[in-house]
Amino acid sequence: MSLITRKQQEIIDEAISSYIKNYDKVAQQYSKLRQEIYETSNDILELVEKEEKVSETDKIRLEKLTYEYNKIAEIYSLHINRLGHNIEINRSIKPQYLGDLESQYDKLSERKGQLKSSISDFKDNKKPLIDDMNALLTNFQTEVVSKRARAKIINKANDQEYSNTSRKINPESSVFTHQELKDLFTDIDSKLRQLKTVDEVGEEDEHIKNERAYIRLDSDKILYDISKARPIDAGNSSTVVDEYDKSIENLTINIKDLIEHGAEAKERWSLNAKKIELMKQVLQSFDDSMEIDN
């Protein structure tokens, strides 16, 4: 059992006195009667010391107080027993607010664990990845865009310098074969070709030939020099991936519409050409018949 200080005991006594005074009427009556008995006893003792006897009035007063004390003592005893019983009930039955607090505590503890797990994931997994990405971006100008990047490629730089764990960008990664470039657009090209109505022979070769960002290293290898690539208006840095996807989707729709309209125009042109050709044939046959008649 822990010891309490004098100040703590005074605070406890004041709290008990305040509770009895304002809420516990039975204890209040009992305390009042005890105080009255105490004062009466002191008065009688003082009188006995002076006169060495007890008056009849004081005897009657003592008997009355004794009767009152016995009555209130019985009531107070029952009251104490009831309080003890209530305490035992409260110990065994949890209040509603306590259950709510425990539930909230469990939820907060679970949330705390999730946050700790997220923080650990950011520190152990995502942050190192972001650091590597920042390092790659920092080295981007030096390793890919700069003029010496082309020299490294032409001079066959040592591949061991650019391992999988290295934060340097291997300039060789910007070298593609002709077939690899064509394969990058296979899916899009196949869809567009379904809508094409005219033959486009060698259009990839023509694009590679005219685009100054493509530098032919030999008959089959092409270097994509990003420093010479034409700028693409991709919006400001705040544009999100969803907006890019939406722009690409709209652009694809526009291209499809243009191709379809072009196809319709060509079909109309072909139909008109056939009509003109038919008219020529009719006129020619008419001229031939006129010559025969003559």
C-alpha atoms as a PDB file:
ATOM      1  CA  MET A   1       0.000   0.000   0.000  1.00  0.00           C
ATOM      2  CA  SER A   2       1.442   3.336  -1.018  1.00  0.00           C
ATOM      3  CA  LEU A   3       1.848   6.084   1.551  1.00  0.00           C
ATOM      4  CA  ILE A   4       0.157   9.438   1.042  1.00  0.00           C
ATOM      5  CA  THR A   5       1.370  12.828   2.155  1.00  0.00           C
ATOM      6  CA  ARG A   6      -0.352  15.079   4.647  1.00  0.00           C
ATOM      7  CA  LYS A   7      -1.427  17.417   1.873  1.00  0.00           C
ATOM      8  CA  GLN A   8      -2.960  14.539  -0.079  1.00  0.00           C
ATOM      9  CA  GLN A   9      -4.841  13.387   3.036  1.00  0.00           C
ATOM     10  CA  GLU A  10      -6.232  16.887   3.538  1.00  0.00           C
ATOM     11  CA  ILE A  11      -7.469  16.953  -0.050  1.00  0.00           C
ATOM     12  CA  ILE A  12      -9.129  13.543   0.408  1.00  0.00           C
ATOM     13  CA  ASP A  13     -10.819  14.679   3.640  1.00  0.00           C
ATOM     14  CA  GLU A  14     -12.084  17.844   1.977  1.00  0.00           C
ATOM     15  CA  ALA A  15     -13.487  15.837  -0.943  1.00  0.00           C
ATOM     16  CA  ILE A  16     -15.269  13.452   1.431  1.00  0.00           C
ATOM     17  CA  SER A  17     -16.673  16.303   3.509  1.00  0.00           C
ATOM     18  CA  SER A  18     -17.896  18.081   0.386  1.00  0.00           C
ATOM     19  CA  TYR A  19     -19.592  14.941  -0.902  1.00  0.00           C
ATOM     20  CA  ILE A  20     -21.297  14.245   2.430  1.00  0.00           C
ATOM     21  CA  LYS A  21     -22.422  17.849   2.762  1.00  0.00           C
ATOM     22  CA  ASN A  22     -23.952  18.030  -0.716  1.00  0.00           C
ATOM     23  CA  TYR A  23     -25.010  14.496  -1.642  1.00  0.00           C
ATOM     24  CA  ASP A  24     -25.076  12.001   1.298  1.00  0.00           C
ATOM     25  CA  LYS A  25     -27.893  13.041   3.654  1.00  0.00           C
ATOM     26  CA  VAL A  26     -27.615   9.920   5.843  1.00  0.00           C
ATOM     27  CA  ALA A  27     -23.921  10.454   6.503  1.00  0.00           C
ATOM     28  CA  GLN A  28     -24.630  14.136   7.044  1.00  0.00           C
ATOM     29  CA  GLN A  29     -27.186  13.346   9.793  1.00  0.00           C
ATOM     30  CA  TYR A  30     -24.817  10.832  11.371  1.00  0.00           C
ATOM     31  CA  SER A  31     -21.949  13.321  11.417  1.00  0.00           C
ATOM     32  CA  LYS A  32     -24.188  16.029  12.850  1.00  0.00           C
ATOM     33  CA  LEU A  33     -25.368  13.722  15.640  1.00  0.00           C
ATOM     34  CA  ARG A  34     -21.831  12.695  16.501  1.00  0.00           C
ATOM     35  CA  GLN A  35     -20.816  16.329  16.654  1.00  0.00           C
ATOM     36  CA  GLU A  36     -23.714  17.056  18.990  1.00  0.00           C
ATOM     37  CA  ILE A  37     -22.817  14.095  21.227  1.00  0.00           C
ATOM     38  CA  TYR A  38     -19.223  15.277  21.338  1.00  0.00           C
ATOM     39  CA  GLU A  39     -20.210  18.794  22.351  1.00  0.00           C
ATOM     40  CA  THR A  40     -22.679  17.515  24.980  1.00  0.00           C
ATOM     41  CA  SER A  41     -20.047  15.215  26.459  1.00  0.00           C
ATOM     42  CA  ASN A  42     -17.612  18.118  26.794  1.00  0.00           C
ATOM     43  CA  ASP A  43     -20.266  20.264  28.470  1.00  0.00           C
ATOM     44  CA  ILE A  44     -21.123  17.529  30.985  1.00  0.00           C
ATOM     45  CA  LEU A  45     -17.453  16.865  31.777  1.00  0.00           C
ATOM     46  CA  GLU A  46     -16.873  20.538  32.468  1.00  0.00           C
ATOM     47  CA  LEU A  47     -19.958  20.632  34.692  1.00  0.00           C
ATOM     48  CA  VAL A  48     -18.847  17.550  36.626  1.00  0.00           C
ATOM     49  CA  GLU A  49     -15.436  19.098  37.232  1.00  0.00           C
ATOM     50  CA  LYS A  50     -17.074  22.198  38.669  1.00  0.00           C
ATOM     51  CA  GLU A  51     -20.056  20.785  40.586  1.00  0.00           C
ATOM     52  CA  GLU A  52     -19.044  17.099  40.808  1.00  0.00           C
ATOM     53  CA  LYS A  53     -22.518  16.005  39.760  1.00  0.00           C
ATOM     54  CA  VAL A  54     -24.751  15.611  36.681  1.00  0.00           C
ATOM     55  CA  SER A  55     -28.071  17.437  36.515  1.00  0.00           C
ATOM     56  CA  GLU A  56     -31.311  15.715  35.611  1.00  0.00           C
ATOM     57  CA  THR A  57     -31.586  17.845  32.519  1.00  0.00           C
ATOM     58  CA  ASP A  58     -28.216  16.628  31.299  1.00  0.00           C
ATOM     59  CA  LYS A  59     -29.187  13.020  32.024  1.00  0.00           C
ATOM     60  CA  ILE A  60     -32.356  13.406  29.954  1.00  0.00           C
ATOM     61  CA  ARG A  61     -30.309  15.057  27.244  1.00  0.00           C
ATOM     62  CA  LEU A  62     -27.825  12.160  27.249  1.00  0.00           C
ATOM     63  CA  GLU A  63     -30.607   9.562  27.052  1.00  0.00           C
ATOM     64  CA  LYS A  64     -32.171  11.413  24.142  1.00  0.00           C
ATOM     65  CA  LEU A  65     -28.858  11.580  22.328  1.00  0.00           C
ATOM     66  CA  THR A  66     -28.251   7.888  23.023  1.00  0.00           C
ATOM     67  CA  TYR A  67     -31.614   7.025  21.511  1.00  0.00           C
ATOM     68  CA  GLU A  68     -30.967   9.192  18.480  1.00  0.00           C
ATOM     69  CA  TYR A  69     -27.514   7.728  18.096  1.00  0.00           C
ATOM     70  CA  ASN A  70     -28.737   4.118  18.174  1.00  0.00           C
ATOM     71  CA  LYS A  71     -31.377   4.912  15.582  1.00  0.00           C
ATOM     72  CA  ILE A  72     -29.107   6.785  13.207  1.00  0.00           C
ATOM     73  CA  ALA A  73     -26.290   4.273  13.737  1.00  0.00           C
ATOM     74  CA  GLU A  74     -28.526   1.476  12.463  1.00  0.00           C
ATOM     75  CA  ILE A  75     -29.552   3.529   9.454  1.00  0.00           C
ATOM     76  CA  TYR A  76     -25.956   4.520   8.806  1.00  0.00           C
ATOM     77  CA  SER A  77     -24.808   0.887   9.006  1.00  0.00           C
ATOM     78  CA  LEU A  78     -27.363  -0.104   6.356  1.00  0.00           C
ATOM     79  CA  HIS A  79     -26.292   2.861   4.288  1.00  0.00           C
ATOM     80  CA  ILE A  80     -22.632   1.808   4.459  1.00  0.00           C
ATOM     81  CA  ASN A  81     -23.543  -1.735   3.430  1.00  0.00           C
ATOM     82  CA  ARG A  82     -25.492  -0.410   0.444  1.00  0.00           C
ATOM     83  CA  LEU A  83     -22.550   1.751  -0.628  1.00  0.00           C
ATOM     84  CA  GLY A  84     -20.213  -1.234  -0.375  1.00  0.00           C
ATOM     85  CA  HIS A  85     -22.593  -3.304  -2.476  1.00  0.00           C
ATOM     86  CA  ASN A  86     -22.715  -0.581  -5.136  1.00  0.00           C
ATOM     87  CA  ILE A  87     -18.928  -0.461  -5.194  1.00  0.00           C
ATOM     88  CA  GLU A  88     -18.739  -4.214  -5.833  1.00  0.00           C
ATOM     89  CA  ILE A  89     -21.295  -3.912  -8.638  1.00  0.00           C
ATOM     90  CA  ASN A  90     -19.351  -1.087 -10.257  1.00  0.00           C
ATOM     91  CA  ARG A  91     -16.178  -3.153 -10.062  1.00  0.00           C
ATOM     92  CA  SER A  92     -17.762  -6.055 -11.939  1.00  0.00           C
ATOM     93  CA  ILE A  93     -19.778  -4.025 -14.477  1.00  0.00           C
ATOM     94  CA  LYS A  94     -17.912  -1.715 -16.835  1.00  0.00           C
ATOM     95  CA  PRO A  95     -19.553   1.625 -17.552  1.00  0.00           C
ATOM     96  CA  GLN A  96     -20.633   2.315 -21.135  1.00  0.00           C
ATOM     97  CA  TYR A  97     -18.153   5.151 -21.559  1.00  0.00           C
ATOM     98  CA  LEU A  98     -15.313   2.854 -20.496  1.00  0.00           C
ATOM     99  CA  GLY A  99     -16.207   0.355 -23.214  1.00  0.00           C
ATOM    100  CA  ASP A 100     -16.330   3.165 -25.772  1.00  0.00           C
ATOM    101  CA  LEU A 101     -12.928   4.417 -24.651  1.00  0.00           C
ATOM    102  CA  GLU A 102     -11.437   0.932 -24.940  1.00  0.00           C
ATOM    103  CA  SER A 103     -12.885   0.563 -28.444  1.00  0.00           C
ATOM    104  CA  GLN A 104     -11.468   3.944 -29.465  1.00  0.00           C
ATOM    105  CA  TYR A 105      -8.114   3.001 -27.960  1.00  0.00           C
ATOM    106  CA  ASP A 106      -8.030  -0.233 -29.965  1.00  0.00           C
ATOM    107  CA  LYS A 107      -8.822   1.669 -33.183  1.00  0.00           C
ATOM    108  CA  LEU A 108      -6.168   4.275 -32.442  1.00  0.00           C
ATOM    109  CA  SER A 109      -3.644   1.531 -31.673  1.00  0.00           C
ATOM    110  CA  GLU A 110      -4.449  -0.182 -34.972  1.00  0.00           C
ATOM    111  CA  ARG A 111      -4.151   3.122 -36.829  1.00  0.00           C
ATOM    112  CA  LYS A 112      -0.860   3.805 -35.081  1.00  0.00           C
ATOM    113  CA  GLY A 113       0.447   0.428 -36.235  1.00  0.00           C
ATOM    114  CA  GLN A 114      -0.622   1.166 -39.817  1.00  0.00           C
ATOM    115  CA  LEU A 115       1.107   4.552 -39.734  1.00  0.00           C
ATOM    116  CA  LYS A 116       4.276   2.987 -38.339  1.00  0.00           C
ATOM    117  CA  SER A 117       4.166   0.394 -41.106  1.00  0.00           C
ATOM    118  CA  SER A 118       3.674   3.114 -43.745  1.00  0.00           C
ATOM    119  CA  ILE A 119       6.526   5.173 -42.315  1.00  0.00           C
ATOM    120  CA  SER A 120       8.799   2.133 -42.301  1.00  0.00           C
ATOM    121  CA  ASP A 121       7.819   1.370 -45.905  1.00  0.00           C
ATOM    122  CA  PHE A 122       8.622   4.937 -46.950  1.00  0.00           C
ATOM    123  CA  LYS A 123      11.947   4.929 -45.093  1.00  0.00           C
ATOM    124  CA  ASP A 124      13.088   1.440 -46.078  1.00  0.00           C
ATOM    125  CA  ASN A 125      11.629   1.073 -49.587  1.00  0.00           C
ATOM    126  CA  LYS A 126      10.265   4.237 -51.161  1.00  0.00           C
ATOM    127  CA  LYS A 127      12.860   6.749 -49.932  1.00  0.00           C
ATOM    128  CA  PRO A 128      15.856   4.778 -51.297  1.00  0.00           C
ATOM    129  CA  LEU A 129      13.990   4.436 -54.593  1.00  0.00           C
ATOM    130  CA  ILE A 130      13.306   8.196 -54.701  1.00  0.00           C
ATOM    131  CA  ASP A 131      16.955   8.879 -53.858  1.00  0.00           C
ATOM    132  CA  ASP A 132      18.004   6.679 -56.769  1.00  0.00           C
ATOM    133  CA  MET A 133      15.563   8.468 -59.067  1.00  0.00           C
ATOM    134  CA  ASN A 134      16.925  11.860 -57.980  1.00  0.00           C
ATOM    135  CA  ALA A 135      20.452  10.636 -58.608  1.00  0.00           C
ATOM    136  CA  LEU A 136      19.440   9.405 -62.055  1.00  0.00           C
ATOM    137  CA  LEU A 137      17.878  12.767 -62.864  1.00  0.00           C
ATOM    138  CA  THR A 138      20.985  14.561 -61.625  1.00  0.00           C
ATOM    139  CA  ASN A 139      23.179  12.452 -63.893  1.00  0.00           C
ATOM    140  CA  PHE A 140      20.759  12.636 -66.819  1.00  0.00           C
ATOM    141  CA  GLN A 141      22.326  15.736 -68.383  1.00  0.00           C
ATOM    142  CA  THR A 142      25.825  14.349 -67.999  1.00  0.00           C
ATOM    143  CA  GLU A 143      25.243  10.775 -69.087  1.00  0.00           C
ATOM    144  CA  VAL A 144      22.657  11.128 -71.877  1.00  0.00           C
ATOM    145  CA  VAL A 145      22.082  14.709 -73.018  1.00  0.00           C
ATOM    146  CA  SER A 146      25.679  15.936 -73.046  1.00  0.00           C
ATOM    147  CA  LYS A 147      27.818  15.770 -76.158  1.00  0.00           C
ATOM    148  CA  ARG A 148      30.299  13.410 -74.545  1.00  0.00           C
ATOM    149  CA  ALA A 149      27.531  10.817 -74.172  1.00  0.00           C
ATOM    150  CA  ARG A 150      27.624  10.312 -77.932  1.00  0.00           C
ATOM    151  CA  ALA A 151      31.404   9.981 -77.787  1.00  0.00           C
ATOM    152  CA  LYS A 152      31.105   7.272 -75.125  1.00  0.00           C
ATOM    153  CA  ILE A 153      28.730   5.330 -77.327  1.00  0.00           C
ATOM    154  CA  ILE A 154      30.856   5.641 -80.422  1.00  0.00           C
ATOM    155  CA  ASN A 155      33.991   4.715 -78.454  1.00  0.00           C
ATOM    156  CA  LYS A 156      32.229   1.702 -76.894  1.00  0.00           C
ATOM    157  CA  ALA A 157      32.342   2.695 -73.209  1.00  0.00           C
ATOM    158  CA  ASN A 158      32.950  -0.082 -70.705  1.00  0.00           C
ATOM    159  CA  ASP A 159      29.575  -1.612 -69.737  1.00  0.00           C
ATOM    160  CA  GLN A 160      30.921  -2.581 -66.302  1.00  0.00           C
ATOM    161  CA  GLU A 161      30.818   1.100 -65.377  1.00  0.00           C
ATOM    162  CA  TYR A 162      27.023   0.932 -65.596  1.00  0.00           C
ATOM    163  CA  SER A 163      25.871  -2.005 -63.480  1.00  0.00           C
ATOM    164  CA  ASN A 164      22.288  -2.653 -62.383  1.00  0.00           C
ATOM    165  CA  THR A 165      23.029  -1.018 -59.021  1.00  0.00           C
ATOM    166  CA  SER A 166      24.804   1.997 -60.512  1.00  0.00           C
ATOM    167  CA  ARG A 167      23.155   5.403 -60.367  1.00  0.00           C
ATOM    168  CA  LYS A 168      24.597   6.286 -63.746  1.00  0.00           C
ATOM    169  CA  ILE A 169      22.545   6.041 -66.901  1.00  0.00           C
ATOM    170  CA  ASN A 170      24.206   3.904 -69.518  1.00  0.00           C
ATOM    171  CA  PRO A 171      24.335   5.907 -72.778  1.00  0.00           C
ATOM    172  CA  GLU A 172      24.039   2.608 -74.635  1.00  0.00           C
ATOM    173  CA  SER A 173      20.412   2.496 -73.472  1.00  0.00           C
ATOM    174  CA  SER A 174      19.615   5.210 -76.026  1.00  0.00           C
ATOM    175  CA  VAL A 175      20.784   3.038 -78.918  1.00  0.00           C
ATOM    176  CA  PHE A 176      18.074   1.058 -80.734  1.00  0.00           C
ATOM    177  CA  THR A 177      18.009  -1.203 -83.719  1.00  0.00           C
ATOM    178  CA  HIS A 178      15.779  -0.315 -86.616  1.00  0.00           C
ATOM    179  CA  GLN A 179      13.488  -3.215 -85.760  1.00  0.00           C
ATOM    180  CA  GLU A 180      13.243  -2.178 -82.084  1.00  0.00           C
ATOM    181  CA  LEU A 181      12.067   1.289 -83.086  1.00  0.00           C
ATOM    182  CA  LYS A 182       9.414  -0.201 -85.334  1.00  0.00           C
ATOM    183  CA  ASP A 183       8.325  -2.633 -82.594  1.00  0.00           C
ATOM    184  CA  LEU A 184       7.745   0.253 -80.170  1.00  0.00           C
ATOM    185  CA  PHE A 185       4.869   1.406 -82.352  1.00  0.00           C
ATOM    186  CA  THR A 186       3.589  -1.982 -83.466  1.00  0.00           C
ATOM    187  CA  ASP A 187       0.318  -1.826 -81.542  1.00  0.00           C
ATOM    188  CA  ILE A 188      -0.528   1.751 -82.537  1.00  0.00           C
ATOM    189  CA  ASP A 189       0.620   1.230 -86.092  1.00  0.00           C
ATOM    190  CA  SER A 190      -1.501  -1.890 -86.519  1.00  0.00           C
ATOM    191  CA  LYS A 191      -4.612  -0.032 -85.344  1.00  0.00           C
ATOM    192  CA  LEU A 192      -3.936   2.929 -87.604  1.00  0.00           C
ATOM    193  CA  ARG A 193      -3.247   0.698 -90.586  1.00  0.00           C
ATOM    194  CA  GLN A 194      -6.759  -0.755 -90.239  1.00  0.00           C
ATOM    195  CA  LEU A 195      -8.071   2.737 -91.013  1.00  0.00           C
ATOM    196  CA  LYS A 196      -5.577   3.659 -93.731  1.00  0.00           C
ATOM    197  CA  THR A 197      -6.852   3.732 -97.296  1.00  0.00           C
ATOM    198  CA  VAL A 198      -3.567   4.549 -99.039  1.00  0.00           C
ATOM    199  CA  ASP A 199      -0.282   2.674 -99.089  1.00  0.00           C
ATOM    200  CA  GLU A 200       2.501   4.269 -97.083  1.00  0.00           C
ATOM    201  CA  VAL A 201       5.754   2.623 -98.117  1.00  0.00           C
ATOM    202  CA  GLY A 202       8.862   3.283 -96.062  1.00  0.00           C
ATOM    203  CA  GLU A 203       7.274   5.967 -93.882  1.00  0.00           C
ATOM    204  CA  GLU A 204       9.295   4.851 -90.813  1.00  0.00           C
ATOM    205  CA  ASP A 205      12.523   5.142 -92.789  1.00  0.00           C
ATOM    206  CA  GLU A 206      11.492   8.581 -94.003  1.00  0.00           C
ATOM    207  CA  HIS A 207      10.727   9.734 -90.464  1.00  0.00           C
ATOM    208  CA  ILE A 208      14.059   8.449 -89.129  1.00  0.00           C
ATOM    209  CA  LYS A 209      15.889  10.056 -92.031  1.00  0.00           C
ATOM    210  CA  ASN A 210      14.296  13.490 -91.549  1.00  0.00           C
ATOM    211  CA  GLU A 211      14.338  13.613 -87.747  1.00  0.00           C
ATOM    212  CA  ARG A 212      17.660  15.064 -86.578  1.00  0.00           C
ATOM    213  CA  ALA A 213      17.387  13.400 -83.131  1.00  0.00           C
ATOM    214  CA  TYR A 214      18.026  10.027 -84.807  1.00  0.00           C
ATOM    215  CA  ILE A 215      21.710   9.442 -85.586  1.00  0.00           C
ATOM    216  CA  ARG A 216      22.525   6.360 -87.621  1.00  0.00           C
ATOM    217  CA  LEU A 217      25.539   4.534 -86.190  1.00  0.00           C
ATOM    218  CA  ASP A 218      25.561   1.777 -88.777  1.00  0.00           C
ATOM    219  CA  SER A 219      23.151   0.060 -91.136  1.00  0.00           C
ATOM    220  CA  ASP A 220      21.046  -1.367 -88.315  1.00  0.00           C
ATOM    221  CA  LYS A 221      21.740   0.754 -85.200  1.00  0.00           C
ATOM    222  CA  ILE A 222      20.312   4.193 -84.500  1.00  0.00           C
ATOM    223  CA  LEU A 223      21.158   6.553 -81.629  1.00  0.00           C
ATOM    224  CA  TYR A 224      18.323   8.649 -80.245  1.00  0.00           C
ATOM    225  CA  ASP A 225      19.924  11.968 -79.192  1.00  0.00           C
ATOM    226  CA  ILE A 226      17.389  13.477 -76.808  1.00  0.00           C
ATOM    227  CA  SER A 227      19.260  16.794 -76.769  1.00  0.00           C
ATOM    228  CA  LYS A 228      18.294  17.285 -80.440  1.00  0.00           C
ATOM    229  CA  ALA A 229      14.721  16.076 -80.122  1.00  0.00           C
ATOM    230  CA  ARG A 230      11.959  18.510 -80.907  1.00  0.00           C
ATOM    231  CA  PRO A 231      10.263  19.815 -77.750  1.00  0.00           C
ATOM    232  CA  ILE A 232       6.859  18.422 -76.941  1.00  0.00           C
ATOM    233  CA  ASP A 233       4.261  20.654 -75.353  1.00  0.00           C
ATOM    234  CA  ALA A 234       3.302  18.427 -72.442  1.00  0.00           C
ATOM    235  CA  GLY A 235       1.889  21.166 -70.243  1.00  0.00           C
ATOM    236  CA  ASN A 236       3.320  22.424 -66.999  1.00  0.00           C
ATOM    237  CA  SER A 237       4.928  20.313 -64.292  1.00  0.00           C
ATOM    238  CA  SER A 238       1.688  20.078 -62.352  1.00  0.00           C
ATOM    239  CA  THR A 239       0.000  18.025 -65.093  1.00  0.00           C
ATOM    240  CA  VAL A 240      -0.866  14.610 -63.709  1.00  0.00           C
ATOM    241  CA  VAL A 241      -0.724  11.245 -65.414  1.00  0.00           C
ATOM    242  CA  ASP A 242      -4.518  11.086 -65.772  1.00  0.00           C
ATOM    243  CA  GLU A 243      -4.450  14.349 -67.731  1.00  0.00           C
ATOM    244  CA  TYR A 244      -1.766  12.931 -70.036  1.00  0.00           C
ATOM    245  CA  ASP A 245      -3.875   9.822 -70.592  1.00  0.00           C
ATOM    246  CA  LYS A 246      -6.900  11.997 -71.354  1.00  0.00           C
ATOM    247  CA  SER A 247      -4.908  14.106 -73.804  1.00  0.00           C
ATOM    248  CA  ILE A 248      -3.589  10.980 -75.539  1.00  0.00           C
ATOM    249  CA  GLU A 249      -7.108   9.546 -75.716  1.00  0.00           C
ATOM    250  CA  ASN A 250      -8.490  12.771 -77.236  1.00  0.00           C
ATOM    251  CA  LEU A 251      -5.588  12.946 -79.693  1.00  0.00           C
ATOM    252  CA  THR A 252      -6.202   9.352 -80.744  1.00  0.00           C
ATOM    253  CA  ILE A 253      -9.888  10.121 -81.322  1.00  0.00           C
ATOM    254  CA  ASN A 254      -8.984  13.187 -83.386  1.00  0.00           C
ATOM    255  CA  ILE A 255      -6.511  11.190 -85.482  1.00  0.00           C
ATOM    256  CA  LYS A 256      -9.115   8.483 -86.009  1.00  0.00           C
ATOM    257  CA  ASP A 257     -11.698  11.072 -87.101  1.00  0.00           C
ATOM    258  CA  LEU A 258      -9.239  12.681 -89.509  1.00  0.00           C
ATOM    259  CA  ILE A 259      -8.342   9.321 -91.018  1.00  0.00           C
ATOM    260  CA  GLU A 260     -12.006   8.310 -91.319  1.00  0.00           C
ATOM    261  CA  HIS A 261     -12.891  11.651 -92.920  1.00  0.00           C
ATOM    262  CA  GLY A 262      -9.947  11.251 -95.270  1.00  0.00           C
ATOM    263  CA  ALA A 263     -11.136   7.773 -96.143  1.00  0.00           C
ATOM    264  CA  GLU A 264     -14.640   9.075 -96.817  1.00  0.00           C
ATOM    265  CA  ALA A 265     -13.243  11.861 -98.988  1.00  0.00           C
ATOM    266  CA  LYS A 266     -11.177   9.380-100.960  1.00  0.00           C
ATOM    267  CA  GLU A 267     -14.177   7.091-101.422  1.00  0.00           C
ATOM    268  CA  ARG A 268     -16.237  10.030-102.682  1.00  0.00           C
ATOM    269  CA  TRP A 269     -13.389  11.004-105.008  1.00  0.00           C
ATOM    270  CA  SER A 270     -13.114   7.442-106.282  1.00  0.00           C
ATOM    271  CA  LEU A 271     -16.882   7.292-106.847  1.00  0.00           C
ATOM    272  CA  ASN A 272     -16.861  10.578-108.758  1.00  0.00           C
ATOM    273  CA  ALA A 273     -13.882   9.373-110.777  1.00  0.00           C
ATOM    274  CA  LYS A 274     -15.803   6.214-111.679  1.00  0.00           C
ATOM    275  CA  LYS A 275     -18.792   8.315-112.727  1.00  0.00           C
ATOM    276  CA  ILE A 276     -16.581  10.493-114.912  1.00  0.00           C
ATOM    277  CA  GLU A 277     -14.975   7.415-116.423  1.00  0.00           C
ATOM    278  CA  LEU A 278     -18.411   5.934-117.106  1.00  0.00           C
ATOM    279  CA  MET A 279     -19.535   9.168-118.741  1.00  0.00           C
ATOM    280  CA  LYS A 280     -16.403   9.134-120.906  1.00  0.00           C
ATOM    281  CA  GLN A 281     -17.195   5.584-121.970  1.00  0.00           C
ATOM    282  CA  VAL A 282     -20.794   6.544-122.824  1.00  0.00           C
ATOM    283  CA  LEU A 283     -19.636   9.552-124.835  1.00  0.00           C
ATOM    284  CA  GLN A 284     -17.002   7.469-126.565  1.00  0.00           C
ATOM    285  CA  SER A 285     -19.540   4.828-127.499  1.00  0.00           C
ATOM    286  CA  PHE A 286     -21.874   7.564-128.724  1.00  0.00           C
ATOM    287  CA  ASP A 287     -19.114   9.026-130.895  1.00  0.00           C
ATOM    288  CA  ASP A 288     -18.302   5.590-132.254  1.00  0.00           C
ATOM    289  CA  SER A 289     -21.932   4.990-133.209  1.00  0.00           C
ATOM    290  CA  MET A 290     -22.083   8.351-134.977  1.00  0.00           C
ATOM    291  CA  GLU A 291     -19.007   7.466-137.016  1.00  0.00           C
ATOM    292  CA  ILE A 292     -20.543   4.149-138.059  1.00  0.00           C
ATOM    293  CA  ASP A 293     -23.754   5.857-139.169  1.00  0.00           C
ATOM    294  CA  ASN A 294     -21.825   8.291-141.252  1.00  0.00           C
END
